[in-house]
Amino acid sequence: HDHRRLDILVNNAGIGDLDPIERTPLETYARVVAITQTSVFLGMKAT
């Protein structure tokens, strides 16, 4: 609406986790994947 175009998409947003796999809660893993990985899929799909 505002620009009538999009030429460049930079998928930069992301977060990290710190623990080894034995101490990583599923909720933490899923949140990191959602913000760091799924976001890239959603961004390219939407634009």
All heavy atoms as atom14 arrays in JSON, in Angstrom:
{
  "sequence": "HDHRRLDILVNNAGIGDLDPIERTPLETYARVVAITQTSVFLGMKAT",
  "atom14_mask": [
    [1, 1, 1, 1, 1, 1, 1, 1, 1, 1, 0, 0, 0, 0],
    [1, 1, 1, 1, 1, 1, 1, 1, 0, 0, 0, 0, 0, 0],
    [1, 1, 1, 1, 1, 1, 1, 1, 1, 1, 0, 0, 0, 0],
    [1, 1, 1, 1, 1, 1, 1, 1, 1, 1, 1, 0, 0, 0],
    [1, 1, 1, 1, 1, 1, 1, 1, 1, 1, 1, 0, 0, 0],
    [1, 1, 1, 1, 1, 1, 1, 1, 0, 0, 0, 0, 0, 0],
    [1, 1, 1, 1, 1, 1, 1, 1, 0, 0, 0, 0, 0, 0],
    [1, 1, 1, 1, 1, 1, 1, 1, 0, 0, 0, 0, 0, 0],
    [1, 1, 1, 1, 1, 1, 1, 1, 0, 0, 0, 0, 0, 0],
    [1, 1, 1, 1, 1, 1, 1, 0, 0, 0, 0, 0, 0, 0],
    [1, 1, 1, 1, 1, 1, 1, 1, 0, 0, 0, 0, 0, 0],
    [1, 1, 1, 1, 1, 1, 1, 1, 0, 0, 0, 0, 0, 0],
    [1, 1, 1, 1, 1, 0, 0, 0, 0, 0, 0, 0, 0, 0],
    [1, 1, 1, 1, 0, 0, 0, 0, 0, 0, 0, 0, 0, 0],
    [1, 1, 1, 1, 1, 1, 1, 1, 0, 0, 0, 0, 0, 0],
    [1, 1, 1, 1, 0, 0, 0, 0, 0, 0, 0, 0, 0, 0],
    [1, 1, 1, 1, 1, 1, 1, 1, 0, 0, 0, 0, 0, 0],
    [1, 1, 1, 1, 1, 1, 1, 1, 0, 0, 0, 0, 0, 0],
    [1, 1, 1, 1, 1, 1, 1, 1, 0, 0, 0, 0, 0, 0],
    [1, 1, 1, 1, 1, 1, 1, 0, 0, 0, 0, 0, 0, 0],
    [1, 1, 1, 1, 1, 1, 1, 1, 0, 0, 0, 0, 0, 0],
    [1, 1, 1, 1, 1, 1, 1, 1, 1, 0, 0, 0, 0, 0],
    [1, 1, 1, 1, 1, 1, 1, 1, 1, 1, 1, 0, 0, 0],
    [1, 1, 1, 1, 1, 1, 1, 0, 0, 0, 0, 0, 0, 0],
    [1, 1, 1, 1, 1, 1, 1, 0, 0, 0, 0, 0, 0, 0],
    [1, 1, 1, 1, 1, 1, 1, 1, 0, 0, 0, 0, 0, 0],
    [1, 1, 1, 1, 1, 1, 1, 1, 1, 0, 0, 0, 0, 0],
    [1, 1, 1, 1, 1, 1, 1, 0, 0, 0, 0, 0, 0, 0],
    [1, 1, 1, 1, 1, 1, 1, 1, 1, 1, 1, 1, 0, 0],
    [1, 1, 1, 1, 1, 0, 0, 0, 0, 0, 0, 0, 0, 0],
    [1, 1, 1, 1, 1, 1, 1, 1, 1, 1, 1, 0, 0, 0],
    [1, 1, 1, 1, 1, 1, 1, 0, 0, 0, 0, 0, 0, 0],
    [1, 1, 1, 1, 1, 1, 1, 0, 0, 0, 0, 0, 0, 0],
    [1, 1, 1, 1, 1, 0, 0, 0, 0, 0, 0, 0, 0, 0],
    [1, 1, 1, 1, 1, 1, 1, 1, 0, 0, 0, 0, 0, 0],
    [1, 1, 1, 1, 1, 1, 1, 0, 0, 0, 0, 0, 0, 0],
    [1, 1, 1, 1, 1, 1, 1, 1, 1, 0, 0, 0, 0, 0],
    [1, 1, 1, 1, 1, 1, 1, 0, 0, 0, 0, 0, 0, 0],
    [1, 1, 1, 1, 1, 1, 0, 0, 0, 0, 0, 0, 0, 0],
    [1, 1, 1, 1, 1, 1, 1, 0, 0, 0, 0, 0, 0, 0],
    [1, 1, 1, 1, 1, 1, 1, 1, 1, 1, 1, 0, 0, 0],
    [1, 1, 1, 1, 1, 1, 1, 1, 0, 0, 0, 0, 0, 0],
    [1, 1, 1, 1, 0, 0, 0, 0, 0, 0, 0, 0, 0, 0],
    [1, 1, 1, 1, 1, 1, 1, 1, 0, 0, 0, 0, 0, 0],
    [1, 1, 1, 1, 1, 1, 1, 1, 1, 0, 0, 0, 0, 0],
    [1, 1, 1, 1, 1, 0, 0, 0, 0, 0, 0, 0, 0, 0],
    [1, 1, 1, 1, 1, 1, 1, 0, 0, 0, 0, 0, 0, 0]
  ],
  "atom14_positions": [
    [[0.83, -1.21, 0.0], [0.0, 0.0, 0.0], [0.86, 1.26, 0.0], [0.59, 2.22, -0.74], [-0.92, 0.0, 1.21], [-1.77, 1.22, 1.33], [-1.34, 2.36, 2.02], [-2.99, 1.52, 0.85], [-2.28, 3.28, 1.95], [-3.3, 2.81, 1.25], [0.0, 0.0, 0.0], [0.0, 0.0, 0.0], [0.0, 0.0, 0.0], [0.0, 0.0, 0.0]],
    [[1.88, 1.27, 0.84], [2.69, 2.49, 1.02], [3.72, 2.7, -0.08], [4.02, 3.85, -0.43], [3.41, 2.44, 2.37], [2.45, 2.54, 3.55], [1.25, 2.83, 3.33], [2.89, 2.3, 4.7], [0.0, 0.0, 0.0], [0.0, 0.0, 0.0], [0.0, 0.0, 0.0], [0.0, 0.0, 0.0], [0.0, 0.0, 0.0], [0.0, 0.0, 0.0]],
    [[4.29, 1.63, -0.6], [5.43, 1.75, -1.53], [5.18, 1.16, -2.91], [5.94, 1.43, -3.83], [6.67, 1.09, -0.92], [7.07, 1.67, 0.4], [7.68, 2.89, 0.52], [6.93, 1.19, 1.67], [7.91, 3.15, 1.81], [7.47, 2.13, 2.52], [0.0, 0.0, 0.0], [0.0, 0.0, 0.0], [0.0, 0.0, 0.0], [0.0, 0.0, 0.0]],
    [[4.17, 0.32, -3.03], [3.84, -0.32, -4.3], [4.92, -1.25, -4.81], [4.88, -1.69, -5.96], [3.53, 0.73, -5.39], [2.44, 1.7, -5.03], [1.11, 1.01, -4.86], [0.04, 1.95, -4.54], [-1.2, 1.58, -4.2], [-1.5, 0.3, -4.11], [-2.1, 2.49, -3.92], [0.0, 0.0, 0.0], [0.0, 0.0, 0.0], [0.0, 0.0, 0.0]],
    [[5.88, -1.59, -3.97], [6.96, -2.47, -4.41], [7.77, -2.96, -3.21], [7.77, -2.35, -2.13], [7.89, -1.76, -5.38], [8.65, -0.58, -4.77], [9.45, 0.18, -5.81], [10.48, -0.65, -6.42], [11.07, -0.36, -7.57], [10.72, 0.73, -8.25], [12.01, -1.14, -8.06], [0.0, 0.0, 0.0], [0.0, 0.0, 0.0], [0.0, 0.0, 0.0]],
    [[8.48, -4.06, -3.42], [9.48, -4.53, -2.48], [10.57, -5.21, -3.3], [10.3, -6.13, -4.07], [8.91, -5.53, -1.46], [9.93, -6.06, -0.44], [10.41, -4.93, 0.48], [9.33, -7.2, 0.39], [0.0, 0.0, 0.0], [0.0, 0.0, 0.0], [0.0, 0.0, 0.0], [0.0, 0.0, 0.0], [0.0, 0.0, 0.0], [0.0, 0.0, 0.0]],
    [[11.79, -4.73, -3.14], [12.91, -5.23, -3.93], [13.89, -6.07, -3.13], [14.57, -6.94, -3.69], [13.68, -4.04, -4.55], [12.76, -3.13, -5.32], [12.49, -3.43, -6.5], [12.27, -2.14, -4.74], [0.0, 0.0, 0.0], [0.0, 0.0, 0.0], [0.0, 0.0, 0.0], [0.0, 0.0, 0.0], [0.0, 0.0, 0.0], [0.0, 0.0, 0.0]],
    [[13.97, -5.82, -1.83], [14.95, -6.5, -0.99], [14.27, -6.96, 0.3], [13.57, -6.19, 0.96], [16.12, -5.56, -0.62], [16.85, -5.07, -1.87], [17.09, -6.24, 0.34], [17.79, -3.9, -1.6], [0.0, 0.0, 0.0], [0.0, 0.0, 0.0], [0.0, 0.0, 0.0], [0.0, 0.0, 0.0], [0.0, 0.0, 0.0], [0.0, 0.0, 0.0]],
    [[14.49, -8.22, 0.65], [14.05, -8.75, 1.94], [15.28, -9.26, 2.67], [16.0, -10.12, 2.15], [13.05, -9.89, 1.75], [12.69, -10.69, 3.02], [12.01, -9.81, 4.05], [11.82, -11.9, 2.66], [0.0, 0.0, 0.0], [0.0, 0.0, 0.0], [0.0, 0.0, 0.0], [0.0, 0.0, 0.0], [0.0, 0.0, 0.0], [0.0, 0.0, 0.0]],
    [[15.52, -8.73, 3.85], [16.61, -9.21, 4.7], [15.99, -9.88, 5.92], [15.45, -9.22, 6.81], [17.55, -8.07, 5.13], [18.68, -8.62, 6.01], [18.13, -7.35, 3.92], [0.0, 0.0, 0.0], [0.0, 0.0, 0.0], [0.0, 0.0, 0.0], [0.0, 0.0, 0.0], [0.0, 0.0, 0.0], [0.0, 0.0, 0.0], [0.0, 0.0, 0.0]],
    [[16.05, -11.2, 5.94], [15.55, -11.97, 7.07], [16.66, -12.09, 8.11], [17.49, -13.0, 8.06], [15.1, -13.37, 6.62], [13.73, -13.36, 5.98], [12.77, -12.83, 6.54], [13.63, -13.95, 4.79], [0.0, 0.0, 0.0], [0.0, 0.0, 0.0], [0.0, 0.0, 0.0], [0.0, 0.0, 0.0], [0.0, 0.0, 0.0], [0.0, 0.0, 0.0]],
    [[16.67, -11.16, 9.03], [17.76, -11.07, 10.0], [17.33, -11.45, 11.42], [18.15, -11.88, 12.22], [18.32, -9.65, 10.0], [19.17, -9.36, 11.21], [20.3, -9.84, 11.33], [18.64, -8.57, 12.15], [0.0, 0.0, 0.0], [0.0, 0.0, 0.0], [0.0, 0.0, 0.0], [0.0, 0.0, 0.0], [0.0, 0.0, 0.0], [0.0, 0.0, 0.0]],
    [[16.06, -11.31, 11.75], [15.61, -11.53, 13.13], [15.92, -12.95, 13.6], [15.78, -13.91, 12.84], [14.11, -11.27, 13.23], [0.0, 0.0, 0.0], [0.0, 0.0, 0.0], [0.0, 0.0, 0.0], [0.0, 0.0, 0.0], [0.0, 0.0, 0.0], [0.0, 0.0, 0.0], [0.0, 0.0, 0.0], [0.0, 0.0, 0.0], [0.0, 0.0, 0.0]],
    [[16.32, -13.06, 14.84], [16.59, -14.39, 15.4], [16.97, -14.29, 16.86], [17.35, -13.22, 17.35], [0.0, 0.0, 0.0], [0.0, 0.0, 0.0], [0.0, 0.0, 0.0], [0.0, 0.0, 0.0], [0.0, 0.0, 0.0], [0.0, 0.0, 0.0], [0.0, 0.0, 0.0], [0.0, 0.0, 0.0], [0.0, 0.0, 0.0], [0.0, 0.0, 0.0]],
    [[16.85, -15.42, 17.55], [17.28, -15.5, 18.94], [18.08, -16.79, 19.11], [18.09, -17.66, 18.23], [16.1, -15.5, 19.93], [15.17, -16.71, 19.66], [15.33, -14.19, 19.84], [14.1, -16.89, 20.71], [0.0, 0.0, 0.0], [0.0, 0.0, 0.0], [0.0, 0.0, 0.0], [0.0, 0.0, 0.0], [0.0, 0.0, 0.0], [0.0, 0.0, 0.0]],
    [[18.75, -16.92, 20.25], [19.54, -18.11, 20.51], [19.14, -18.81, 21.78], [18.3, -18.32, 22.54], [0.0, 0.0, 0.0], [0.0, 0.0, 0.0], [0.0, 0.0, 0.0], [0.0, 0.0, 0.0], [0.0, 0.0, 0.0], [0.0, 0.0, 0.0], [0.0, 0.0, 0.0], [0.0, 0.0, 0.0], [0.0, 0.0, 0.0], [0.0, 0.0, 0.0]],
    [[19.72, -19.98, 22.0], [19.59, -20.69, 23.26], [21.0, -21.03, 23.72], [21.97, -20.82, 22.99], [18.72, -21.94, 23.12], [19.18, -22.86, 21.98], [19.86, -22.37, 21.05], [18.85, -24.05, 21.99], [0.0, 0.0, 0.0], [0.0, 0.0, 0.0], [0.0, 0.0, 0.0], [0.0, 0.0, 0.0], [0.0, 0.0, 0.0], [0.0, 0.0, 0.0]],
    [[21.13, -21.56, 24.92], [22.47, -21.7, 25.5], [22.82, -23.1, 25.97], [24.0, -23.48, 25.95], [22.63, -20.73, 26.69], [22.55, -19.24, 26.38], [22.53, -18.45, 27.69], [23.72, -18.81, 25.52], [0.0, 0.0, 0.0], [0.0, 0.0, 0.0], [0.0, 0.0, 0.0], [0.0, 0.0, 0.0], [0.0, 0.0, 0.0], [0.0, 0.0, 0.0]],
    [[21.83, -23.89, 26.38], [22.11, -25.14, 27.08], [22.4, -26.3, 26.14], [22.07, -26.26, 24.95], [20.91, -25.51, 27.96], [20.74, -24.54, 29.12], [21.77, -24.07, 29.65], [19.59, -24.25, 29.49], [0.0, 0.0, 0.0], [0.0, 0.0, 0.0], [0.0, 0.0, 0.0], [0.0, 0.0, 0.0], [0.0, 0.0, 0.0], [0.0, 0.0, 0.0]],
    [[22.97, -27.4, 26.66], [23.08, -28.63, 25.88], [21.69, -29.24, 25.69], [20.73, -28.85, 26.39], [23.97, -29.52, 26.74], [23.8, -29.0, 28.14], [23.6, -27.53, 28.0], [0.0, 0.0, 0.0], [0.0, 0.0, 0.0], [0.0, 0.0, 0.0], [0.0, 0.0, 0.0], [0.0, 0.0, 0.0], [0.0, 0.0, 0.0], [0.0, 0.0, 0.0]],
    [[21.58, -30.18, 24.8], [20.26, -30.73, 24.46], [19.56, -31.36, 25.66], [18.33, -31.26, 25.8], [20.38, -31.73, 23.29], [19.01, -32.01, 22.69], [21.13, -33.0, 23.71], [19.07, -32.74, 21.35], [0.0, 0.0, 0.0], [0.0, 0.0, 0.0], [0.0, 0.0, 0.0], [0.0, 0.0, 0.0], [0.0, 0.0, 0.0], [0.0, 0.0, 0.0]],
    [[20.33, -31.96, 26.58], [19.71, -32.62, 27.73], [18.97, -31.65, 28.64], [18.03, -32.04, 29.34], [20.77, -33.37, 28.57], [21.47, -34.48, 27.84], [22.75, -34.03, 27.15], [22.89, -32.81, 26.88], [23.62, -34.88, 26.9], [0.0, 0.0, 0.0], [0.0, 0.0, 0.0], [0.0, 0.0, 0.0], [0.0, 0.0, 0.0], [0.0, 0.0, 0.0]],
    [[19.39, -30.39, 28.63], [18.78, -29.4, 29.53], [17.93, -28.37, 28.78], [17.53, -27.37, 29.37], [19.87, -28.69, 30.33], [20.65, -29.61, 31.27], [21.23, -28.83, 32.44], [22.08, -27.73, 32.02], [23.41, -27.83, 31.83], [24.02, -28.99, 32.0], [24.11, -26.78, 31.45], [0.0, 0.0, 0.0], [0.0, 0.0, 0.0], [0.0, 0.0, 0.0]],
    [[17.67, -28.61, 27.51], [16.9, -27.66, 26.72], [15.42, -28.05, 26.72], [15.06, -29.11, 26.17], [17.4, -27.61, 25.28], [18.78, -27.2, 25.27], [16.58, -26.63, 24.44], [0.0, 0.0, 0.0], [0.0, 0.0, 0.0], [0.0, 0.0, 0.0], [0.0, 0.0, 0.0], [0.0, 0.0, 0.0], [0.0, 0.0, 0.0], [0.0, 0.0, 0.0]],
    [[14.54, -27.24, 27.3], [13.12, -27.55, 27.27], [12.57, -27.49, 25.85], [13.05, -26.7, 25.02], [12.48, -26.45, 28.14], [13.62, -25.87, 28.92], [14.83, -26.01, 28.06], [0.0, 0.0, 0.0], [0.0, 0.0, 0.0], [0.0, 0.0, 0.0], [0.0, 0.0, 0.0], [0.0, 0.0, 0.0], [0.0, 0.0, 0.0], [0.0, 0.0, 0.0]],
    [[11.58, -28.3, 25.57], [10.96, -28.29, 24.25], [10.44, -26.9, 23.92], [10.53, -26.44, 22.77], [9.8, -29.3, 24.2], [8.98, -29.32, 22.91], [9.85, -29.62, 21.7], [7.84, -30.33, 23.03], [0.0, 0.0, 0.0], [0.0, 0.0, 0.0], [0.0, 0.0, 0.0], [0.0, 0.0, 0.0], [0.0, 0.0, 0.0], [0.0, 0.0, 0.0]],
    [[9.9, -26.21, 24.91], [9.35, -24.87, 24.68], [10.44, -23.9, 24.2], [10.2, -23.07, 23.32], [8.7, -24.32, 25.95], [7.45, -25.07, 26.39], [7.76, -26.37, 27.12], [8.96, -26.68, 27.38], [6.79, -27.1, 27.43], [0.0, 0.0, 0.0], [0.0, 0.0, 0.0], [0.0, 0.0, 0.0], [0.0, 0.0, 0.0], [0.0, 0.0, 0.0]],
    [[11.63, -24.02, 24.78], [12.74, -23.17, 24.35], [13.16, -23.49, 22.92], [13.34, -22.6, 22.09], [13.94, -23.35, 25.3], [13.57, -22.93, 26.62], [15.14, -22.53, 24.83], [0.0, 0.0, 0.0], [0.0, 0.0, 0.0], [0.0, 0.0, 0.0], [0.0, 0.0, 0.0], [0.0, 0.0, 0.0], [0.0, 0.0, 0.0], [0.0, 0.0, 0.0]],
    [[13.3, -24.77, 22.65], [13.69, -25.2, 21.3], [12.68, -24.7, 20.27], [13.06, -24.14, 19.23], [13.78, -26.72, 21.26], [14.24, -27.29, 19.94], [15.6, -27.47, 19.68], [13.32, -27.67, 18.97], [16.02, -28.0, 18.47], [13.74, -28.19, 17.76], [15.09, -28.37, 17.51], [15.5, -28.88, 16.31], [0.0, 0.0, 0.0], [0.0, 0.0, 0.0]],
    [[11.41, -24.88, 20.55], [10.36, -24.49, 19.61], [10.35, -22.98, 19.4], [10.12, -22.51, 18.28], [9.0, -24.97, 20.11], [0.0, 0.0, 0.0], [0.0, 0.0, 0.0], [0.0, 0.0, 0.0], [0.0, 0.0, 0.0], [0.0, 0.0, 0.0], [0.0, 0.0, 0.0], [0.0, 0.0, 0.0], [0.0, 0.0, 0.0], [0.0, 0.0, 0.0]],
    [[10.59, -22.21, 20.45], [10.58, -20.75, 20.33], [11.75, -20.28, 19.48], [11.6, -19.4, 18.62], [10.63, -20.1, 21.71], [10.6, -18.57, 21.67], [10.37, -17.99, 23.04], [10.3, -16.54, 23.0], [11.34, -15.74, 23.23], [12.53, -16.26, 23.54], [11.19, -14.44, 23.17], [0.0, 0.0, 0.0], [0.0, 0.0, 0.0], [0.0, 0.0, 0.0]],
    [[12.92, -20.85, 19.69], [14.1, -20.48, 18.88], [13.86, -20.81, 17.42], [14.15, -19.99, 16.53], [15.36, -21.18, 19.41], [16.54, -20.96, 18.46], [15.72, -20.67, 20.8], [0.0, 0.0, 0.0], [0.0, 0.0, 0.0], [0.0, 0.0, 0.0], [0.0, 0.0, 0.0], [0.0, 0.0, 0.0], [0.0, 0.0, 0.0], [0.0, 0.0, 0.0]],
    [[13.32, -21.98, 17.15], [13.05, -22.37, 15.76], [12.01, -21.44, 15.13], [12.15, -21.02, 13.98], [12.6, -23.84, 15.7], [12.04, -24.18, 14.32], [13.76, -24.77, 16.04], [0.0, 0.0, 0.0], [0.0, 0.0, 0.0], [0.0, 0.0, 0.0], [0.0, 0.0, 0.0], [0.0, 0.0, 0.0], [0.0, 0.0, 0.0], [0.0, 0.0, 0.0]],
    [[10.97, -21.11, 15.88], [9.91, -20.25, 15.34], [10.44, -18.88, 14.95], [10.1, -18.35, 13.87], [8.79, -20.11, 16.37], [0.0, 0.0, 0.0], [0.0, 0.0, 0.0], [0.0, 0.0, 0.0], [0.0, 0.0, 0.0], [0.0, 0.0, 0.0], [0.0, 0.0, 0.0], [0.0, 0.0, 0.0], [0.0, 0.0, 0.0], [0.0, 0.0, 0.0]],
    [[11.26, -18.28, 15.81], [11.73, -16.91, 15.57], [12.91, -16.88, 14.6], [13.06, -15.93, 13.81], [12.1, -16.24, 16.91], [10.82, -16.08, 17.75], [12.77, -14.89, 16.69], [11.06, -15.59, 19.16], [0.0, 0.0, 0.0], [0.0, 0.0, 0.0], [0.0, 0.0, 0.0], [0.0, 0.0, 0.0], [0.0, 0.0, 0.0], [0.0, 0.0, 0.0]],
    [[13.73, -17.91, 14.6], [14.97, -17.9, 13.83], [14.84, -18.61, 12.49], [15.49, -18.22, 11.51], [16.1, -18.53, 14.66], [16.16, -17.89, 15.93], [17.44, -18.41, 13.97], [0.0, 0.0, 0.0], [0.0, 0.0, 0.0], [0.0, 0.0, 0.0], [0.0, 0.0, 0.0], [0.0, 0.0, 0.0], [0.0, 0.0, 0.0], [0.0, 0.0, 0.0]],
    [[14.01, -19.64, 12.42], [13.87, -20.43, 11.2], [12.52, -20.25, 10.51], [12.46, -19.87, 9.34], [14.05, -21.92, 11.51], [13.73, -22.84, 10.33], [13.62, -24.29, 10.76], [14.21, -24.71, 11.75], [12.85, -25.06, 10.02], [0.0, 0.0, 0.0], [0.0, 0.0, 0.0], [0.0, 0.0, 0.0], [0.0, 0.0, 0.0], [0.0, 0.0, 0.0]],
    [[11.43, -20.49, 11.25], [10.1, -20.39, 10.63], [9.86, -18.98, 10.1], [9.19, -18.79, 9.09], [9.01, -20.77, 11.64], [9.31, -22.07, 12.19], [7.64, -20.82, 10.99], [0.0, 0.0, 0.0], [0.0, 0.0, 0.0], [0.0, 0.0, 0.0], [0.0, 0.0, 0.0], [0.0, 0.0, 0.0], [0.0, 0.0, 0.0], [0.0, 0.0, 0.0]],
    [[10.44, -18.0, 10.75], [10.3, -16.61, 10.32], [10.8, -16.41, 8.89], [10.23, -15.62, 8.13], [11.09, -15.69, 11.26], [12.48, -16.0, 11.2], [0.0, 0.0, 0.0], [0.0, 0.0, 0.0], [0.0, 0.0, 0.0], [0.0, 0.0, 0.0], [0.0, 0.0, 0.0], [0.0, 0.0, 0.0], [0.0, 0.0, 0.0], [0.0, 0.0, 0.0]],
    [[11.85, -17.11, 8.52], [12.41, -16.98, 7.18], [11.45, -17.56, 6.14], [11.23, -16.98, 5.08], [13.8, -17.66, 7.11], [14.36, -17.62, 5.7], [14.76, -16.98, 8.1], [0.0, 0.0, 0.0], [0.0, 0.0, 0.0], [0.0, 0.0, 0.0], [0.0, 0.0, 0.0], [0.0, 0.0, 0.0], [0.0, 0.0, 0.0], [0.0, 0.0, 0.0]],
    [[10.88, -18.71, 6.46], [9.85, -19.31, 5.6], [8.67, -18.37, 5.44], [8.22, -18.09, 4.32], [9.4, -20.64, 6.22], [8.1, -21.16, 5.68], [8.05, -21.84, 4.47], [6.92, -20.98, 6.38], [6.84, -22.32, 3.97], [5.71, -21.46, 5.9], [5.66, -22.14, 4.68], [0.0, 0.0, 0.0], [0.0, 0.0, 0.0], [0.0, 0.0, 0.0]],
    [[8.17, -17.84, 6.56], [7.02, -16.95, 6.51], [7.32, -15.67, 5.75], [6.48, -15.17, 4.98], [6.55, -16.61, 7.93], [5.96, -17.76, 8.75], [5.7, -17.3, 10.17], [4.68, -18.29, 8.1], [0.0, 0.0, 0.0], [0.0, 0.0, 0.0], [0.0, 0.0, 0.0], [0.0, 0.0, 0.0], [0.0, 0.0, 0.0], [0.0, 0.0, 0.0]],
    [[8.51, -15.14, 5.93], [8.88, -13.9, 5.26], [8.94, -14.04, 3.76], [8.42, -13.21, 3.01], [0.0, 0.0, 0.0], [0.0, 0.0, 0.0], [0.0, 0.0, 0.0], [0.0, 0.0, 0.0], [0.0, 0.0, 0.0], [0.0, 0.0, 0.0], [0.0, 0.0, 0.0], [0.0, 0.0, 0.0], [0.0, 0.0, 0.0], [0.0, 0.0, 0.0]],
    [[9.59, -15.11, 3.29], [9.67, -15.31, 1.85], [8.31, -15.62, 1.26], [7.97, -15.17, 0.15], [10.69, -16.4, 1.53], [12.12, -15.99, 1.82], [13.37, -17.12, 1.16], [13.16, -18.52, 2.26], [0.0, 0.0, 0.0], [0.0, 0.0, 0.0], [0.0, 0.0, 0.0], [0.0, 0.0, 0.0], [0.0, 0.0, 0.0], [0.0, 0.0, 0.0]],
    [[7.5, -16.37, 1.98], [6.16, -16.7, 1.5], [5.29, -15.45, 1.38], [4.61, -15.22, 0.37], [5.5, -17.7, 2.44], [4.1, -18.14, 1.99], [3.51, -19.16, 2.95], [2.12, -19.58, 2.51], [1.5, -20.56, 3.45], [0.0, 0.0, 0.0], [0.0, 0.0, 0.0], [0.0, 0.0, 0.0], [0.0, 0.0, 0.0], [0.0, 0.0, 0.0]],
    [[5.32, -14.6, 2.41], [4.45, -13.42, 2.45], [4.83, -12.37, 1.42], [3.97, -11.63, 0.93], [4.47, -12.8, 3.85], [0.0, 0.0, 0.0], [0.0, 0.0, 0.0], [0.0, 0.0, 0.0], [0.0, 0.0, 0.0], [0.0, 0.0, 0.0], [0.0, 0.0, 0.0], [0.0, 0.0, 0.0], [0.0, 0.0, 0.0], [0.0, 0.0, 0.0]],
    [[6.11, -12.3, 1.09], [6.58, -11.24, 0.18], [6.9, -11.75, -1.22], [7.38, -10.98, -2.06], [7.84, -10.56, 0.76], [8.89, -11.53, 0.89], [7.56, -9.93, 2.12], [0.0, 0.0, 0.0], [0.0, 0.0, 0.0], [0.0, 0.0, 0.0], [0.0, 0.0, 0.0], [0.0, 0.0, 0.0], [0.0, 0.0, 0.0], [0.0, 0.0, 0.0]]
  ]
}
